[in-house]
Amino acid sequence: MKTKGLWLVVLLALTGCDKNTVYKEYADIKGGQWYVKETPSFTFTITDTAQAYNIYYNLRNSISYPYYNLYLTRYLTDASGTLIESRLDELILMDPKTGKPRGDGLGDIFDHKVLIKRNYRFPHSGDYTMRISQYMRQNPLPDVLSVGITIEKATAAPE
């Protein structure tokens, strides 16, 4: 009976993993105070350039974050340090009218997964680095706990 229970746990653990996730990482923001000069970077390897990928921001903030939005600048470079893309993005963290938090919350902490690139094809295989900086007027920016990225294989949408 114990063996069947153990196999069930192993089976659930294996099926619970997302096979489409290529890379997922967070960087903690020290003391929840994100300074403009702090630019967390994430290095990942792409082996299949024929595959399309979806790229997401991961963000964790406290309910006491003082704004409904967050501006982030992302810089994508290849292994040689060549800048492939630089872009300013706006993330809407709370409903602008009601102030109701978006994302998944537990207590006063909210997690956001925001799509930034859909069906993106990397130009060549190898290592890439994405750096992220906050682009708000307040420095340091309070109540941001961590930031990161997720890269997933894009799947065809059901018809």
Protein backbone atom coordinates (compact mmCIF):
# COMPACT_ATOMS: atom_id res chain seq x y z
CA MET A 1 0.00 0.00 0.00
CA LYS A 2 2.88 2.38 0.82
CA THR A 3 4.46 1.66 -2.57
CA LYS A 4 1.25 2.61 -4.42
CA GLY A 5 1.05 5.86 -2.44
CA LEU A 6 4.68 6.67 -3.21
CA TRP A 7 4.15 6.04 -6.93
CA LEU A 8 1.07 8.25 -6.88
CA VAL A 9 3.07 11.11 -5.33
CA VAL A 10 5.87 10.67 -7.89
CA LEU A 11 3.36 10.58 -10.77
CA LEU A 12 1.63 13.75 -9.55
CA ALA A 13 4.97 15.51 -9.13
CA LEU A 14 6.03 14.63 -12.68
CA THR A 15 2.74 15.63 -14.29
CA GLY A 16 2.60 18.86 -12.28
CA CYS A 17 5.69 20.22 -14.02
CA ASP A 18 5.09 22.46 -17.01
CA LYS A 19 6.91 20.87 -19.93
CA ASN A 20 6.64 24.09 -21.95
CA THR A 21 8.66 26.16 -19.46
CA VAL A 22 12.20 26.62 -20.74
CA TYR A 23 13.36 29.10 -18.08
CA LYS A 24 11.86 30.69 -14.97
CA GLU A 25 13.75 32.78 -12.46
CA TYR A 26 13.15 35.51 -9.90
CA ALA A 27 15.52 38.03 -8.33
CA ASP A 28 14.62 39.30 -4.88
CA ILE A 29 14.57 43.06 -4.37
CA LYS A 30 16.48 43.75 -1.16
CA GLY A 31 14.20 45.13 1.52
CA GLY A 32 11.41 45.64 -1.03
CA GLN A 33 13.09 48.90 -2.12
CA TRP A 34 13.93 48.82 -5.85
CA TYR A 35 16.56 51.38 -6.80
CA VAL A 36 16.86 52.61 -10.39
CA LYS A 37 20.50 51.48 -10.53
CA GLU A 38 19.47 47.90 -9.61
CA THR A 39 19.04 45.92 -12.82
CA PRO A 40 18.48 42.22 -12.18
CA SER A 41 19.72 40.08 -15.05
CA PHE A 42 18.65 36.65 -16.18
CA THR A 43 20.79 34.45 -18.43
CA PHE A 44 19.23 31.53 -20.26
CA THR A 45 20.08 29.20 -23.14
CA ILE A 46 18.05 28.77 -26.31
CA THR A 47 18.80 25.64 -28.34
CA ASP A 48 15.87 25.54 -30.78
CA THR A 49 15.56 28.62 -33.00
CA ALA A 50 12.70 27.07 -35.01
CA GLN A 51 10.59 27.05 -31.85
CA ALA A 52 8.49 30.13 -31.02
CA TYR A 53 8.55 31.30 -27.40
CA ASN A 54 6.34 33.38 -25.14
CA ILE A 55 8.23 35.61 -22.71
CA TYR A 56 6.70 36.91 -19.50
CA TYR A 57 7.59 39.27 -16.69
CA ASN A 58 7.18 37.78 -13.22
CA LEU A 59 6.55 40.35 -10.51
CA ARG A 60 5.79 40.05 -6.82
CA ASN A 61 4.61 43.12 -4.92
CA SER A 62 3.00 44.04 -1.65
CA ILE A 63 -0.56 45.33 -1.52
CA SER A 64 0.90 48.60 -0.20
CA TYR A 65 2.64 49.28 -3.54
CA PRO A 66 1.69 52.95 -4.08
CA TYR A 67 0.81 52.92 -7.81
CA TYR A 68 -1.60 51.03 -10.06
CA ASN A 69 1.10 50.50 -12.70
CA LEU A 70 4.82 49.87 -13.06
CA TYR A 71 7.11 50.89 -15.89
CA LEU A 72 9.96 48.50 -16.62
CA THR A 73 12.73 48.69 -19.18
CA ARG A 74 14.06 45.43 -20.57
CA TYR A 75 17.30 44.85 -22.41
CA LEU A 76 17.83 41.60 -24.33
CA THR A 77 21.40 40.78 -25.36
CA ASP A 78 23.02 37.74 -26.93
CA ALA A 79 26.16 35.93 -25.73
CA SER A 80 28.45 38.45 -27.46
CA GLY A 81 26.76 41.33 -25.62
CA THR A 82 25.00 42.62 -28.74
CA LEU A 83 21.78 44.41 -27.83
CA ILE A 84 18.90 42.70 -29.62
CA GLU A 85 16.09 44.71 -28.09
CA SER A 86 15.46 47.47 -25.59
CA ARG A 87 11.92 48.41 -24.68
CA LEU A 88 9.87 50.25 -22.08
CA ASP A 89 6.81 48.30 -20.88
CA GLU A 90 3.92 49.28 -18.63
CA LEU A 91 2.51 46.65 -16.29
CA ILE A 92 -0.95 47.30 -14.86
CA LEU A 93 -0.88 45.87 -11.33
CA MET A 94 -4.19 47.21 -10.02
CA ASP A 95 -7.44 48.33 -11.57
CA PRO A 96 -6.97 52.09 -12.16
CA LYS A 97 -10.55 52.90 -11.13
CA THR A 98 -11.23 50.56 -8.21
CA GLY A 99 -7.69 49.94 -6.95
CA LYS A 100 -8.42 46.20 -6.84
CA PRO A 101 -5.16 44.26 -7.22
CA ARG A 102 -4.64 42.12 -10.30
CA GLY A 103 -2.62 38.95 -10.27
CA ASP A 104 -2.73 36.08 -7.81
CA GLY A 105 -2.75 37.12 -4.18
CA LEU A 106 -2.13 35.46 -0.87
CA GLY A 107 -2.56 37.80 2.07
CA ASP A 108 -0.98 41.10 1.14
CA ILE A 109 1.42 39.66 -1.50
CA PHE A 110 0.49 39.53 -5.18
CA ASP A 111 2.17 37.68 -8.05
CA HIS A 112 1.85 38.84 -11.64
CA LYS A 113 2.77 37.02 -14.83
CA VAL A 114 2.60 39.49 -17.72
CA LEU A 115 3.16 38.53 -21.36
CA ILE A 116 5.78 40.73 -23.05
CA LYS A 117 6.57 38.75 -26.23
CA ARG A 118 4.25 36.31 -28.00
CA ASN A 119 5.58 33.75 -30.49
CA TYR A 120 9.07 35.24 -30.39
CA ARG A 121 11.82 33.48 -32.33
CA PHE A 122 15.38 33.97 -31.12
CA PRO A 123 17.79 34.81 -33.96
CA HIS A 124 20.32 32.09 -33.11
CA SER A 125 20.96 29.38 -30.54
CA GLY A 126 23.07 30.14 -27.49
CA ASP A 127 22.97 32.17 -24.32
CA TYR A 128 20.86 35.29 -23.92
CA THR A 129 20.61 37.76 -21.06
CA MET A 130 17.63 39.90 -20.16
CA ARG A 131 18.20 42.82 -17.78
CA ILE A 132 15.25 44.59 -16.17
CA SER A 133 15.19 48.02 -14.56
CA GLN A 134 12.38 49.98 -13.00
CA TYR A 135 11.51 53.22 -14.78
CA MET A 136 9.33 55.02 -12.26
CA ARG A 137 9.80 58.52 -10.86
CA GLN A 138 10.30 57.26 -7.32
CA ASN A 139 13.73 56.04 -6.28
CA PRO A 140 13.74 53.71 -4.48
CA LEU A 141 10.45 52.21 -5.52
CA PRO A 142 8.81 50.67 -2.44
CA ASP A 143 6.99 47.39 -1.97
CA VAL A 144 8.36 45.50 -4.99
CA LEU A 145 9.56 42.19 -3.58
CA SER A 146 10.91 40.35 -6.64
CA VAL A 147 11.07 40.51 -10.40
CA GLY A 148 11.86 37.84 -12.97
CA ILE A 149 11.10 36.27 -16.30
CA THR A 150 9.53 33.09 -17.62
CA ILE A 151 10.22 31.70 -21.08
CA GLU A 152 7.81 29.10 -22.40
CA LYS A 153 7.50 27.24 -25.66
CA ALA A 154 4.60 28.75 -27.56
CA THR A 155 1.88 26.29 -28.37
CA ALA A 156 -0.65 26.55 -31.15
CA ALA A 157 -3.93 28.03 -30.03
CA PRO A 158 -6.92 25.68 -30.24
CA GLU A 159 -9.16 26.33 -33.21
